Amino acid sequence: MRRGQNSSSTNNPTAGWTKQELMAAVDVSESGGGGRRPGLSPKTFDLIRKAARVKGPSHGGLTWVFSADDVAAMIRCAEGGRFTERGEPVAQAWRKLLSERGVELAPSNRRARSTAPPPE
């Protein structure tokens, strides 16, 4: 193990979800991905993870396990801020994963965007 690398991540998938599971849970083709394969890109995943200040693998690390608290923090980050377009399908998919294991999050405080033109 080289200096600076962390081997202390939990490798027990029953303790949470792997990076690969979280990326595969999002169906990009439904969210306007333009015919790409289903799943979330590693780049977008890492942008959301880093913005949420969740510790993760330095490179690759598809078997890195994220806890329910980590996923909840990433959901809150994906629902707001600069991820409002890409983050909504991500947050919905990850909320579904949490609810399947009995973890319920409070609903988002984010208001729905209106598609109506502004009043004159």
C-alpha atoms as a PDB file:
ATOM      1  CA  MET A   1       0.000   0.000   0.000  1.00  0.00           C
ATOM      2  CA  ARG A   2       1.478   3.338  -1.033  1.00  0.00           C
ATOM      3  CA  ARG A   3       1.588   6.356   1.195  1.00  0.00           C
ATOM      4  CA  GLY A   4      -1.684   8.296   1.173  1.00  0.00           C
ATOM      5  CA  GLN A   5      -3.848   5.371   0.137  1.00  0.00           C
ATOM      6  CA  ASN A   6      -6.576   4.327   2.484  1.00  0.00           C
ATOM      7  CA  SER A   7      -7.341   0.657   2.951  1.00  0.00           C
ATOM      8  CA  SER A   8      -9.693   1.183   5.863  1.00  0.00           C
ATOM      9  CA  SER A   9     -12.906   1.354   3.834  1.00  0.00           C
ATOM     10  CA  THR A  10     -15.576  -1.087   4.854  1.00  0.00           C
ATOM     11  CA  ASN A  11     -15.641  -3.948   2.371  1.00  0.00           C
ATOM     12  CA  ASN A  12     -18.824  -5.418   3.798  1.00  0.00           C
ATOM     13  CA  PRO A  13     -21.618  -4.703   1.273  1.00  0.00           C
ATOM     14  CA  THR A  14     -24.288  -5.496   3.878  1.00  0.00           C
ATOM     15  CA  ALA A  15     -23.149  -2.381   5.779  1.00  0.00           C
ATOM     16  CA  GLY A  16     -24.177  -0.125   2.886  1.00  0.00           C
ATOM     17  CA  TRP A  17     -23.925   0.144  -0.882  1.00  0.00           C
ATOM     18  CA  THR A  18     -20.888  -0.112  -3.128  1.00  0.00           C
ATOM     19  CA  LYS A  19     -19.999   2.655  -5.543  1.00  0.00           C
ATOM     20  CA  GLN A  20     -20.902   0.288  -8.374  1.00  0.00           C
ATOM     21  CA  GLU A  21     -24.377  -0.381  -6.915  1.00  0.00           C
ATOM     22  CA  LEU A  22     -25.052   3.325  -6.452  1.00  0.00           C
ATOM     23  CA  MET A  23     -23.978   4.169  -9.995  1.00  0.00           C
ATOM     24  CA  ALA A  24     -26.012   1.310 -11.506  1.00  0.00           C
ATOM     25  CA  ALA A  25     -29.142   2.279  -9.561  1.00  0.00           C
ATOM     26  CA  VAL A  26     -29.597   5.420 -11.656  1.00  0.00           C
ATOM     27  CA  ASP A  27     -31.150   4.897 -15.077  1.00  0.00           C
ATOM     28  CA  VAL A  28     -29.632   7.697 -17.158  1.00  0.00           C
ATOM     29  CA  SER A  29     -31.640   6.733 -20.252  1.00  0.00           C
ATOM     30  CA  GLU A  30     -34.849   7.860 -18.508  1.00  0.00           C
ATOM     31  CA  SER A  31     -33.333  11.144 -17.418  1.00  0.00           C
ATOM     32  CA  GLY A  32     -32.378  12.384 -20.856  1.00  0.00           C
ATOM     33  CA  GLY A  33     -29.065  10.595 -21.227  1.00  0.00           C
ATOM     34  CA  GLY A  34     -29.455  10.451 -24.990  1.00  0.00           C
ATOM     35  CA  GLY A  35     -29.313   6.685 -25.527  1.00  0.00           C
ATOM     36  CA  ARG A  36     -26.288   6.034 -23.317  1.00  0.00           C
ATOM     37  CA  ARG A  37     -26.050   2.891 -21.286  1.00  0.00           C
ATOM     38  CA  PRO A  38     -27.983   2.894 -17.986  1.00  0.00           C
ATOM     39  CA  GLY A  39     -26.135   4.043 -14.918  1.00  0.00           C
ATOM     40  CA  LEU A  40     -24.447   7.108 -13.526  1.00  0.00           C
ATOM     41  CA  SER A  41     -21.035   8.133 -14.828  1.00  0.00           C
ATOM     42  CA  PRO A  42     -18.135   7.832 -12.376  1.00  0.00           C
ATOM     43  CA  LYS A  43     -17.310  11.494 -12.966  1.00  0.00           C
ATOM     44  CA  THR A  44     -20.782  12.700 -11.952  1.00  0.00           C
ATOM     45  CA  PHE A  45     -20.820  10.306  -8.994  1.00  0.00           C
ATOM     46  CA  ASP A  46     -17.501  11.646  -7.724  1.00  0.00           C
ATOM     47  CA  LEU A  47     -18.604  15.263  -8.251  1.00  0.00           C
ATOM     48  CA  ILE A  48     -21.674  14.661  -6.080  1.00  0.00           C
ATOM     49  CA  ARG A  49     -19.676  12.695  -3.483  1.00  0.00           C
ATOM     50  CA  LYS A  50     -16.992  15.361  -3.178  1.00  0.00           C
ATOM     51  CA  ALA A  51     -19.548  18.190  -3.008  1.00  0.00           C
ATOM     52  CA  ALA A  52     -21.267  16.313  -0.162  1.00  0.00           C
ATOM     53  CA  ARG A  53     -17.847  15.925   1.537  1.00  0.00           C
ATOM     54  CA  VAL A  54     -18.179  12.153   1.736  1.00  0.00           C
ATOM     55  CA  LYS A  55     -14.950  10.200   1.941  1.00  0.00           C
ATOM     56  CA  GLY A  56     -14.357   7.797  -0.925  1.00  0.00           C
ATOM     57  CA  PRO A  57     -11.751   5.923  -2.947  1.00  0.00           C
ATOM     58  CA  SER A  58      -8.845   7.873  -4.376  1.00  0.00           C
ATOM     59  CA  HIS A  59      -9.201   6.255  -7.813  1.00  0.00           C
ATOM     60  CA  GLY A  60     -11.704   3.727  -9.158  1.00  0.00           C
ATOM     61  CA  GLY A  61     -12.763   1.773  -6.117  1.00  0.00           C
ATOM     62  CA  LEU A  62     -16.040   0.284  -7.345  1.00  0.00           C
ATOM     63  CA  THR A  63     -16.127  -1.958  -4.261  1.00  0.00           C
ATOM     64  CA  TRP A  64     -15.889   0.973  -1.811  1.00  0.00           C
ATOM     65  CA  VAL A  65     -18.884   0.740   0.536  1.00  0.00           C
ATOM     66  CA  PHE A  66     -20.897   3.846   1.449  1.00  0.00           C
ATOM     67  CA  SER A  67     -23.040   3.858   4.600  1.00  0.00           C
ATOM     68  CA  ALA A  68     -26.657   5.026   4.787  1.00  0.00           C
ATOM     69  CA  ASP A  69     -25.442   8.315   6.296  1.00  0.00           C
ATOM     70  CA  ASP A  70     -23.049   8.800   3.382  1.00  0.00           C
ATOM     71  CA  VAL A  71     -25.788   8.130   0.843  1.00  0.00           C
ATOM     72  CA  ALA A  72     -28.169  10.482   2.678  1.00  0.00           C
ATOM     73  CA  ALA A  73     -25.571  13.263   2.529  1.00  0.00           C
ATOM     74  CA  MET A  74     -25.066  12.664  -1.198  1.00  0.00           C
ATOM     75  CA  ILE A  75     -28.843  12.716  -1.763  1.00  0.00           C
ATOM     76  CA  ARG A  76     -29.163  16.103  -0.059  1.00  0.00           C
ATOM     77  CA  CYS A  77     -26.307  17.418  -2.183  1.00  0.00           C
ATOM     78  CA  ALA A  78     -27.763  15.980  -5.411  1.00  0.00           C
ATOM     79  CA  GLU A  79     -31.157  17.569  -4.754  1.00  0.00           C
ATOM     80  CA  GLY A  80     -29.831  21.080  -4.487  1.00  0.00           C
ATOM     81  CA  GLY A  81     -27.085  23.406  -5.502  1.00  0.00           C
ATOM     82  CA  ARG A  82     -25.469  22.915  -8.863  1.00  0.00           C
ATOM     83  CA  PHE A  83     -26.846  19.408  -9.379  1.00  0.00           C
ATOM     84  CA  THR A  84     -30.499  20.391  -9.803  1.00  0.00           C
ATOM     85  CA  GLU A  85     -30.685  19.025 -13.369  1.00  0.00           C
ATOM     86  CA  ARG A  86     -28.580  15.872 -13.054  1.00  0.00           C
ATOM     87  CA  GLY A  87     -29.236  15.323  -9.391  1.00  0.00           C
ATOM     88  CA  GLU A  88     -32.976  14.788  -9.351  1.00  0.00           C
ATOM     89  CA  PRO A  89     -32.992  11.275 -10.926  1.00  0.00           C
ATOM     90  CA  VAL A  90     -29.931  10.385  -8.842  1.00  0.00           C
ATOM     91  CA  ALA A  91     -31.630  11.445  -5.609  1.00  0.00           C
ATOM     92  CA  GLN A  92     -34.822   9.563  -6.495  1.00  0.00           C
ATOM     93  CA  ALA A  93     -32.934   6.340  -7.264  1.00  0.00           C
ATOM     94  CA  TRP A  94     -30.849   6.544  -4.106  1.00  0.00           C
ATOM     95  CA  ARG A  95     -33.909   7.351  -1.960  1.00  0.00           C
ATOM     96  CA  LYS A  96     -35.468   4.170  -3.338  1.00  0.00           C
ATOM     97  CA  LEU A  97     -32.369   2.160  -2.344  1.00  0.00           C
ATOM     98  CA  LEU A  98     -32.530   3.566   1.181  1.00  0.00           C
ATOM     99  CA  SER A  99     -36.255   2.855   1.531  1.00  0.00           C
ATOM    100  CA  GLU A 100     -35.729  -0.764   0.398  1.00  0.00           C
ATOM    101  CA  ARG A 101     -33.528  -1.233   3.478  1.00  0.00           C
ATOM    102  CA  GLY A 102     -35.952   0.576   5.768  1.00  0.00           C
ATOM    103  CA  VAL A 103     -34.135   3.921   5.952  1.00  0.00           C
ATOM    104  CA  GLU A 104     -36.498   6.846   5.441  1.00  0.00           C
ATOM    105  CA  LEU A 105     -35.317  10.387   4.749  1.00  0.00           C
ATOM    106  CA  ALA A 106     -37.286  13.549   5.248  1.00  0.00           C
ATOM    107  CA  PRO A 107     -38.662  14.920   1.973  1.00  0.00           C
ATOM    108  CA  SER A 108     -36.580  17.461   0.148  1.00  0.00           C
ATOM    109  CA  ASN A 109     -37.171  21.123   0.993  1.00  0.00           C
ATOM    110  CA  ARG A 110     -36.392  22.022  -2.604  1.00  0.00           C
ATOM    111  CA  ARG A 111     -39.301  23.573  -4.451  1.00  0.00           C
ATOM    112  CA  ALA A 112     -40.234  22.116  -7.817  1.00  0.00           C
ATOM    113  CA  ARG A 113     -39.134  24.178 -10.783  1.00  0.00           C
ATOM    114  CA  SER A 114     -41.921  25.763 -12.713  1.00  0.00           C
ATOM    115  CA  THR A 115     -41.950  25.251 -16.465  1.00  0.00           C
ATOM    116  CA  ALA A 116     -44.443  28.074 -17.001  1.00  0.00           C
ATOM    117  CA  PRO A 117     -43.139  31.335 -18.463  1.00  0.00           C
ATOM    118  CA  PRO A 118     -42.573  34.149 -15.953  1.00  0.00           C
ATOM    119  CA  PRO A 119     -45.501  36.542 -15.432  1.00  0.00           C
ATOM    120  CA  GLU A 120     -45.378  39.802 -17.324  1.00  0.00           C
END
